[in-house]
Amino acid sequence: MNLTDPDFCESHCPICTNARKGNALAVIVQKIEMAITFGGCPSGRARRKKYGVKPNESLPPDVKEH
């Protein structure tokens, strides 16, 4: 899987997937990453373009994955 793939952020990224599940350490790391990079890593930005949600937000129920 390509690291600029939005589906990597959605289902395989160790930081983003754990932050969305509520892991406190992952949330902190993700907030720092988003502040430094102005929107997250390349796969997080691609996820925002594809799904319309930030890397730290869950997908809306009406959005199909993959």
N, C-alpha and C. Protein backbone atom coordinates (compact mmCIF):
# COMPACT_ATOMS: atom_id res chain seq x y z
N MET A 1 0.84 -1.17 0.00
CA MET A 1 0.00 0.00 0.00
C MET A 1 0.89 1.25 0.00
N ASN A 2 0.53 2.20 -0.80
CA ASN A 2 1.26 3.44 -0.95
C ASN A 2 1.00 4.36 0.25
N LEU A 3 2.03 5.01 0.74
CA LEU A 3 1.87 5.89 1.90
C LEU A 3 1.09 7.17 1.58
N THR A 4 0.86 7.46 0.31
CA THR A 4 0.04 8.62 -0.06
C THR A 4 -1.38 8.19 -0.41
N ASP A 5 -1.71 6.95 -0.13
CA ASP A 5 -3.04 6.40 -0.40
C ASP A 5 -3.98 6.75 0.75
N PRO A 6 -5.16 7.31 0.46
CA PRO A 6 -6.09 7.67 1.54
C PRO A 6 -6.55 6.46 2.35
N ASP A 7 -6.57 5.30 1.72
CA ASP A 7 -7.00 4.10 2.43
C ASP A 7 -5.95 3.62 3.43
N PHE A 8 -4.67 4.00 3.22
CA PHE A 8 -3.64 3.69 4.21
C PHE A 8 -3.97 4.42 5.50
N CYS A 9 -4.31 5.69 5.42
CA CYS A 9 -4.67 6.48 6.60
C CYS A 9 -5.92 5.89 7.26
N GLU A 10 -6.86 5.49 6.45
CA GLU A 10 -8.13 5.00 6.97
C GLU A 10 -8.00 3.69 7.73
N SER A 11 -7.18 2.76 7.23
CA SER A 11 -7.19 1.44 7.84
C SER A 11 -5.85 0.89 8.31
N HIS A 12 -4.73 1.52 7.93
CA HIS A 12 -3.43 0.92 8.29
C HIS A 12 -2.48 1.83 9.06
N CYS A 13 -2.71 3.13 9.06
CA CYS A 13 -1.79 4.05 9.75
C CYS A 13 -1.84 3.81 11.25
N PRO A 14 -0.71 3.51 11.87
CA PRO A 14 -0.72 3.23 13.31
C PRO A 14 -1.11 4.43 14.17
N ILE A 15 -0.81 5.63 13.71
CA ILE A 15 -1.17 6.82 14.48
C ILE A 15 -2.64 7.16 14.29
N CYS A 16 -3.06 7.32 13.06
CA CYS A 16 -4.43 7.79 12.78
C CYS A 16 -5.50 6.79 13.22
N THR A 17 -5.29 5.51 12.93
CA THR A 17 -6.32 4.54 13.31
C THR A 17 -6.47 4.46 14.83
N ASN A 18 -5.36 4.50 15.55
CA ASN A 18 -5.44 4.46 17.01
C ASN A 18 -5.99 5.76 17.59
N ALA A 19 -5.67 6.90 16.97
CA ALA A 19 -6.21 8.17 17.45
C ALA A 19 -7.73 8.22 17.27
N ARG A 20 -8.21 7.72 16.15
CA ARG A 20 -9.65 7.69 15.94
C ARG A 20 -10.35 6.73 16.90
N LYS A 21 -9.63 5.74 17.40
CA LYS A 21 -10.20 4.80 18.38
C LYS A 21 -10.15 5.38 19.80
N GLY A 22 -9.44 6.50 19.98
CA GLY A 22 -9.40 7.16 21.28
C GLY A 22 -8.14 6.96 22.08
N ASN A 23 -7.11 6.36 21.51
CA ASN A 23 -5.85 6.17 22.21
C ASN A 23 -5.23 7.54 22.50
N ALA A 24 -5.05 7.87 23.77
CA ALA A 24 -4.61 9.20 24.18
C ALA A 24 -3.24 9.58 23.61
N LEU A 25 -2.29 8.66 23.64
CA LEU A 25 -0.95 8.95 23.11
C LEU A 25 -1.02 9.20 21.61
N ALA A 26 -1.77 8.40 20.88
CA ALA A 26 -1.91 8.58 19.44
C ALA A 26 -2.60 9.90 19.12
N VAL A 27 -3.56 10.31 19.94
CA VAL A 27 -4.24 11.59 19.74
C VAL A 27 -3.24 12.73 19.87
N ILE A 28 -2.39 12.68 20.87
CA ILE A 28 -1.38 13.72 21.08
C ILE A 28 -0.41 13.77 19.90
N VAL A 29 0.09 12.62 19.50
CA VAL A 29 1.04 12.56 18.38
C VAL A 29 0.37 13.08 17.10
N GLN A 30 -0.88 12.70 16.88
CA GLN A 30 -1.59 13.15 15.69
C GLN A 30 -1.80 14.66 15.70
N LYS A 31 -2.14 15.23 16.86
CA LYS A 31 -2.32 16.68 16.95
C LYS A 31 -1.03 17.41 16.62
N ILE A 32 0.09 16.90 17.13
CA ILE A 32 1.40 17.51 16.84
C ILE A 32 1.69 17.41 15.35
N GLU A 33 1.47 16.22 14.79
CA GLU A 33 1.72 16.01 13.36
C GLU A 33 0.87 16.95 12.50
N MET A 34 -0.40 17.08 12.85
CA MET A 34 -1.29 17.94 12.07
C MET A 34 -0.90 19.41 12.18
N ALA A 35 -0.40 19.82 13.33
CA ALA A 35 0.04 21.20 13.51
C ALA A 35 1.31 21.49 12.72
N ILE A 36 2.23 20.55 12.73
CA ILE A 36 3.50 20.74 12.04
C ILE A 36 3.33 20.71 10.52
N THR A 37 2.48 19.80 10.04
CA THR A 37 2.35 19.60 8.59
C THR A 37 1.14 20.32 7.99
N PHE A 38 0.41 21.05 8.81
CA PHE A 38 -0.77 21.79 8.35
C PHE A 38 -1.82 20.88 7.71
N GLY A 39 -2.15 19.79 8.38
CA GLY A 39 -3.22 18.93 7.87
C GLY A 39 -2.93 17.45 7.91
N GLY A 40 -1.79 17.06 8.39
CA GLY A 40 -1.48 15.65 8.50
C GLY A 40 -0.50 15.18 7.44
N CYS A 41 -0.18 13.93 7.52
CA CYS A 41 0.77 13.32 6.59
C CYS A 41 0.15 13.24 5.19
N PRO A 42 0.91 12.87 4.18
CA PRO A 42 0.36 12.80 2.82
C PRO A 42 -0.87 11.89 2.69
N SER A 43 -0.88 10.76 3.38
CA SER A 43 -2.06 9.89 3.29
C SER A 43 -3.25 10.49 4.02
N GLY A 44 -3.01 11.25 5.08
CA GLY A 44 -4.10 11.93 5.78
C GLY A 44 -4.70 13.04 4.94
N ARG A 45 -3.85 13.76 4.21
CA ARG A 45 -4.37 14.79 3.32
C ARG A 45 -5.13 14.17 2.15
N ALA A 46 -4.64 13.04 1.64
CA ALA A 46 -5.35 12.33 0.57
C ALA A 46 -6.70 11.81 1.07
N ARG A 47 -6.75 11.37 2.31
CA ARG A 47 -8.01 10.90 2.91
C ARG A 47 -9.01 12.05 2.99
N ARG A 48 -8.52 13.23 3.31
CA ARG A 48 -9.41 14.39 3.38
C ARG A 48 -9.98 14.72 2.00
N LYS A 49 -9.14 14.62 0.96
CA LYS A 49 -9.61 14.88 -0.40
C LYS A 49 -10.64 13.83 -0.84
N LYS A 50 -10.37 12.57 -0.53
CA LYS A 50 -11.25 11.49 -0.99
C LYS A 50 -12.55 11.42 -0.19
N TYR A 51 -12.46 11.49 1.13
CA TYR A 51 -13.63 11.27 1.98
C TYR A 51 -14.22 12.55 2.57
N GLY A 52 -13.47 13.65 2.53
CA GLY A 52 -13.96 14.92 3.05
C GLY A 52 -13.90 15.04 4.56
N VAL A 53 -13.06 14.24 5.21
CA VAL A 53 -12.90 14.32 6.65
C VAL A 53 -11.41 14.40 6.99
N LYS A 54 -11.10 15.08 8.09
CA LYS A 54 -9.72 15.20 8.55
C LYS A 54 -9.23 13.84 9.03
N PRO A 55 -7.90 13.66 9.13
CA PRO A 55 -7.36 12.40 9.60
C PRO A 55 -7.82 12.01 11.01
N ASN A 56 -8.19 13.01 11.82
CA ASN A 56 -8.61 12.72 13.18
C ASN A 56 -10.12 12.52 13.31
N GLU A 57 -10.84 12.57 12.21
CA GLU A 57 -12.30 12.39 12.24
C GLU A 57 -12.70 11.04 11.66
N SER A 58 -13.74 10.47 12.22
CA SER A 58 -14.27 9.22 11.69
C SER A 58 -15.03 9.48 10.40
N LEU A 59 -15.13 8.45 9.58
CA LEU A 59 -15.92 8.57 8.36
C LEU A 59 -17.39 8.68 8.69
N PRO A 60 -18.12 9.49 7.95
CA PRO A 60 -19.58 9.52 8.15
C PRO A 60 -20.17 8.16 7.77
N PRO A 61 -21.30 7.79 8.36
CA PRO A 61 -21.87 6.46 8.09
C PRO A 61 -22.28 6.25 6.63
N ASP A 62 -22.54 7.31 5.89
CA ASP A 62 -22.97 7.15 4.51
C ASP A 62 -21.83 7.03 3.50
N VAL A 63 -20.57 7.10 3.96
CA VAL A 63 -19.42 6.99 3.08
C VAL A 63 -18.97 5.54 3.04
N LYS A 64 -18.88 4.99 1.85
CA LYS A 64 -18.39 3.62 1.69
C LYS A 64 -16.87 3.63 1.67
N GLU A 65 -16.30 2.69 2.36
CA GLU A 65 -14.84 2.53 2.34
C GLU A 65 -14.46 1.75 1.10
N HIS A 66 -13.30 2.06 0.57
CA HIS A 66 -12.68 1.39 -0.58
C HIS A 66 -13.65 1.42 -1.69
